[in-house]
C-alpha atoms as a PDB file:
ATOM      1  CA  UNK A   1       5.663  15.015  17.022  1.00  0.00           C
ATOM      2  CA  UNK A   2       2.522  14.468  14.938  1.00  0.00           C
ATOM      3  CA  UNK A   3       1.778  10.629  14.708  1.00  0.00           C
ATOM      4  CA  UNK A   4       0.202   9.950  11.301  1.00  0.00           C
ATOM      5  CA  UNK A   5      -1.623   6.828  10.804  1.00  0.00           C
ATOM      6  CA  UNK A   6      -1.988   4.864   7.550  1.00  0.00           C
ATOM      7  CA  UNK A   7      -2.794   1.480   6.234  1.00  0.00           C
ATOM      8  CA  UNK A   8      -1.034   0.250   3.482  1.00  0.00           C
ATOM      9  CA  UNK A   9      -1.729  -3.393   1.581  1.00  0.00           C
ATOM     10  CA  UNK A  10       0.065  -5.810  -0.622  1.00  0.00           C
ATOM     11  CA  UNK A  11      -2.384  -6.820  -3.693  1.00  0.00           C
ATOM     12  CA  UNK A  12      -0.659 -10.196  -4.823  1.00  0.00           C
ATOM     13  CA  UNK A  13      -1.700 -11.366  -7.961  1.00  0.00           C
ATOM     14  CA  UNK A  14      -1.902 -14.926  -9.614  1.00  0.00           C
ATOM     15  CA  UNK A  15       1.570 -14.543 -10.898  1.00  0.00           C
ATOM     16  CA  UNK A  16       2.920 -13.796  -7.350  1.00  0.00           C
ATOM     17  CA  UNK A  17       3.289  -9.874  -8.107  1.00  0.00           C
ATOM     18  CA  UNK A  18       2.639  -6.712  -6.335  1.00  0.00           C
ATOM     19  CA  UNK A  19       0.807  -3.810  -6.780  1.00  0.00           C
ATOM     20  CA  UNK A  20       2.767  -0.528  -6.664  1.00  0.00           C
ATOM     21  CA  UNK A  21       1.465   2.821  -7.782  1.00  0.00           C
ATOM     22  CA  UNK A  22       3.516   5.889  -8.413  1.00  0.00           C
ATOM     23  CA  UNK A  23       2.525   9.047  -6.654  1.00  0.00           C
ATOM     24  CA  UNK A  24       1.127  11.856  -8.755  1.00  0.00           C
ATOM     25  CA  UNK A  25       2.439  15.222  -9.682  1.00  0.00           C
ATOM     26  CA  UNK A  26       1.301  17.696  -6.695  1.00  0.00           C
ATOM     27  CA  UNK A  27       1.859  15.378  -4.020  1.00  0.00           C
ATOM     28  CA  UNK A  28       4.218  15.081  -1.405  1.00  0.00           C
ATOM     29  CA  UNK A  29       6.806  12.410  -2.137  1.00  0.00           C
ATOM     30  CA  UNK A  30       5.376  13.198  -6.337  1.00  0.00           C
ATOM     31  CA  UNK A  31       7.007  10.054  -8.419  1.00  0.00           C
ATOM     32  CA  UNK A  32       7.803   7.708  -5.932  1.00  0.00           C
ATOM     33  CA  UNK A  33       6.569   4.292  -5.699  1.00  0.00           C
ATOM     34  CA  UNK A  34       3.968   3.067  -3.036  1.00  0.00           C
ATOM     35  CA  UNK A  35       1.705   0.528  -1.754  1.00  0.00           C
ATOM     36  CA  UNK A  36      -1.421   1.232  -2.269  1.00  0.00           C
ATOM     37  CA  UNK A  37      -3.812   2.644   1.025  1.00  0.00           C
ATOM     38  CA  UNK A  38      -4.458   6.132   2.512  1.00  0.00           C
ATOM     39  CA  UNK A  39      -5.153   7.580   5.909  1.00  0.00           C
ATOM     40  CA  UNK A  40      -7.487   6.528   8.439  1.00  0.00           C
ATOM     41  CA  UNK A  41     -11.077   8.265   8.451  1.00  0.00           C
ATOM     42  CA  UNK A  42     -12.033   9.182  12.556  1.00  0.00           C
ATOM     43  CA  UNK A  43     -13.129   5.737  13.979  1.00  0.00           C
ATOM     44  CA  UNK A  44     -12.339   3.739  10.962  1.00  0.00           C
ATOM     45  CA  UNK A  45     -10.395  -0.179  11.769  1.00  0.00           C
ATOM     46  CA  UNK A  46      -7.572  -0.842   9.805  1.00  0.00           C
ATOM     47  CA  UNK A  47      -9.651  -3.014   7.725  1.00  0.00           C
ATOM     48  CA  UNK A  48     -11.920  -0.506   6.580  1.00  0.00           C
ATOM     49  CA  UNK A  49     -10.010   2.082   5.658  1.00  0.00           C
ATOM     50  CA  UNK A  50      -8.261  -0.380   3.490  1.00  0.00           C
ATOM     51  CA  UNK A  51     -11.344  -1.458   1.927  1.00  0.00           C
ATOM     52  CA  UNK A  52     -12.432   1.995   1.420  1.00  0.00           C
ATOM     53  CA  UNK A  53      -9.037   3.378   0.158  1.00  0.00           C
ATOM     54  CA  UNK A  54      -9.121   0.221  -2.220  1.00  0.00           C
ATOM     55  CA  UNK A  55     -12.530   0.531  -3.479  1.00  0.00           C
ATOM     56  CA  UNK A  56     -11.855   4.803  -4.173  1.00  0.00           C
ATOM     57  CA  UNK A  57      -8.214   4.205  -5.508  1.00  0.00           C
ATOM     58  CA  UNK A  58      -8.487   1.185  -7.182  1.00  0.00           C
ATOM     59  CA  UNK A  59     -11.942   0.415  -8.050  1.00  0.00           C
ATOM     60  CA  UNK A  60     -11.793  -3.237  -6.586  1.00  0.00           C
ATOM     61  CA  UNK A  61     -14.424  -4.696  -3.534  1.00  0.00           C
ATOM     62  CA  UNK A  62     -12.120  -6.609  -0.296  1.00  0.00           C
ATOM     63  CA  UNK A  63     -13.694  -8.329   2.415  1.00  0.00           C
ATOM     64  CA  UNK A  64     -12.175  -8.284   5.842  1.00  0.00           C
ATOM     65  CA  UNK A  65     -11.478 -11.678   5.655  1.00  0.00           C
ATOM     66  CA  UNK A  66      -8.866 -11.561   2.465  1.00  0.00           C
ATOM     67  CA  UNK A  67      -6.875  -9.069   4.825  1.00  0.00           C
ATOM     68  CA  UNK A  68      -3.990 -10.624   6.415  1.00  0.00           C
ATOM     69  CA  UNK A  69      -1.895  -8.238   8.695  1.00  0.00           C
ATOM     70  CA  UNK A  70       2.087  -8.820   7.349  1.00  0.00           C
ATOM     71  CA  UNK A  71       4.155  -6.256   9.213  1.00  0.00           C
ATOM     72  CA  UNK A  72       4.743  -2.585   9.799  1.00  0.00           C
ATOM     73  CA  UNK A  73       6.470   0.869   9.486  1.00  0.00           C
ATOM     74  CA  UNK A  74       7.750   3.150  11.758  1.00  0.00           C
ATOM     75  CA  UNK A  75       9.734   6.344   9.986  1.00  0.00           C
ATOM     76  CA  UNK A  76      10.195   9.860  11.269  1.00  0.00           C
ATOM     77  CA  UNK A  77       9.365  12.072   8.494  1.00  0.00           C
ATOM     78  CA  UNK A  78      10.708  15.993   9.267  1.00  0.00           C
ATOM     79  CA  UNK A  79       7.187  16.803  10.051  1.00  0.00           C
ATOM     80  CA  UNK A  80       5.527  14.103  11.354  1.00  0.00           C
ATOM     81  CA  UNK A  81       5.881  10.436  12.271  1.00  0.00           C
ATOM     82  CA  UNK A  82       4.450   7.528   9.932  1.00  0.00           C
ATOM     83  CA  UNK A  83       2.940   4.116  11.767  1.00  0.00           C
ATOM     84  CA  UNK A  84       2.200   2.341   8.503  1.00  0.00           C
ATOM     85  CA  UNK A  85       0.296  -1.380   8.953  1.00  0.00           C
ATOM     86  CA  UNK A  86       0.719  -3.601   6.076  1.00  0.00           C
ATOM     87  CA  UNK A  87      -1.431  -5.997   5.212  1.00  0.00           C
ATOM     88  CA  UNK A  88      -1.645  -9.025   2.401  1.00  0.00           C
ATOM     89  CA  UNK A  89      -4.768  -9.318  -0.259  1.00  0.00           C
ATOM     90  CA  UNK A  90      -4.767 -11.720  -2.535  1.00  0.00           C
ATOM     91  CA  UNK A  91      -8.487 -12.180  -3.589  1.00  0.00           C
ATOM     92  CA  UNK A  92     -10.537  -9.087  -4.681  1.00  0.00           C
ATOM     93  CA  UNK A  93     -13.618  -8.609  -6.752  1.00  0.00           C
ATOM     94  CA  UNK A  94     -13.158  -5.896 -10.095  1.00  0.00           C
ATOM     95  CA  UNK A  95     -10.747  -5.381 -12.107  1.00  0.00           C
ATOM     96  CA  UNK A  96      -8.070  -2.956 -10.628  1.00  0.00           C
ATOM     97  CA  UNK A  97      -7.481   0.392 -12.311  1.00  0.00           C
ATOM     98  CA  UNK A  98      -6.151   3.569 -11.683  1.00  0.00           C
ATOM     99  CA  UNK A  99      -9.198   5.395 -10.787  1.00  0.00           C
ATOM    100  CA  UNK A 100      -7.231   8.807  -9.404  1.00  0.00           C
ATOM    101  CA  UNK A 101      -4.596   8.741 -12.681  1.00  0.00           C
ATOM    102  CA  UNK A 102      -1.784   6.840 -10.901  1.00  0.00           C
ATOM    103  CA  UNK A 103       0.353   4.934 -13.052  1.00  0.00           C
ATOM    104  CA  UNK A 104       0.485   1.183 -11.735  1.00  0.00           C
ATOM    105  CA  UNK A 105       3.006  -1.718 -11.840  1.00  0.00           C
ATOM    106  CA  UNK A 106       2.619  -5.083 -11.025  1.00  0.00           C
ATOM    107  CA  UNK A 107       6.134  -5.996  -9.986  1.00  0.00           C
ATOM    108  CA  UNK A 108       7.967  -9.067  -8.312  1.00  0.00           C
ATOM    109  CA  UNK A 109       8.824  -8.501  -4.679  1.00  0.00           C
ATOM    110  CA  UNK A 110      12.535  -9.172  -4.994  1.00  0.00           C
ATOM    111  CA  UNK A 111      12.395  -6.155  -7.885  1.00  0.00           C
ATOM    112  CA  UNK A 112      10.730  -3.547  -5.874  1.00  0.00           C
ATOM    113  CA  UNK A 113      13.744  -2.202  -5.082  1.00  0.00           C
ATOM    114  CA  UNK A 114      14.250  -1.119  -8.638  1.00  0.00           C
ATOM    115  CA  UNK A 115      11.341   1.308  -7.822  1.00  0.00           C
ATOM    116  CA  UNK A 116      12.172   4.556  -5.999  1.00  0.00           C
ATOM    117  CA  UNK A 117       9.779   4.764  -2.406  1.00  0.00           C
ATOM    118  CA  UNK A 118       9.522   6.982   0.243  1.00  0.00           C
ATOM    119  CA  UNK A 119      11.768   6.107   3.193  1.00  0.00           C
ATOM    120  CA  UNK A 120       8.767   4.417   4.969  1.00  0.00           C
ATOM    121  CA  UNK A 121       7.773   1.850   2.246  1.00  0.00           C
ATOM    122  CA  UNK A 122      11.019   0.503   1.340  1.00  0.00           C
ATOM    123  CA  UNK A 123      11.826  -1.527   4.777  1.00  0.00           C
ATOM    124  CA  UNK A 124       8.119  -3.438   4.329  1.00  0.00           C
ATOM    125  CA  UNK A 125       9.815  -5.206   1.201  1.00  0.00           C
ATOM    126  CA  UNK A 126      12.251  -7.844   2.690  1.00  0.00           C
ATOM    127  CA  UNK A 127       8.934  -9.219   4.678  1.00  0.00           C
ATOM    128  CA  UNK A 128       7.038  -9.856   1.310  1.00  0.00           C
ATOM    129  CA  UNK A 129       9.730 -11.325  -0.217  1.00  0.00           C
ATOM    130  CA  UNK A 130       9.978 -13.636   2.659  1.00  0.00           C
ATOM    131  CA  UNK A 131       6.370 -14.285   2.516  1.00  0.00           C
ATOM    132  CA  UNK A 132       5.984 -14.543  -1.751  1.00  0.00           C
ATOM    133  CA  UNK A 133       8.927 -14.819  -3.012  1.00  0.00           C
END
């Protein structure tokens, strides 16, 4: 089975809310809420992937030292196995905006379960609750 490596980040604002994005129509798992991030480019380090994805998707600039690894998800979808490390980021430059037309929400970690998420994202919630509250 093919292994797909995707990096994700929990952007945490000054009110300890986490940013989630809704997958747009036409994409796999459309309508579900997820942590921002994306697929690695060839030869790209995980931090580089997140820095690139956050700039492309949300218009924010993040530095390596502002990314702290938290946990990871390992999930077998029918077509591939997803391995997704999750980082926390509390510092970035710029204003978060939906550059790819996706809906965005700032949510308290304990309320994340109220939003339907892909099966790989949901198991990451307890670690966020433990760290952020």
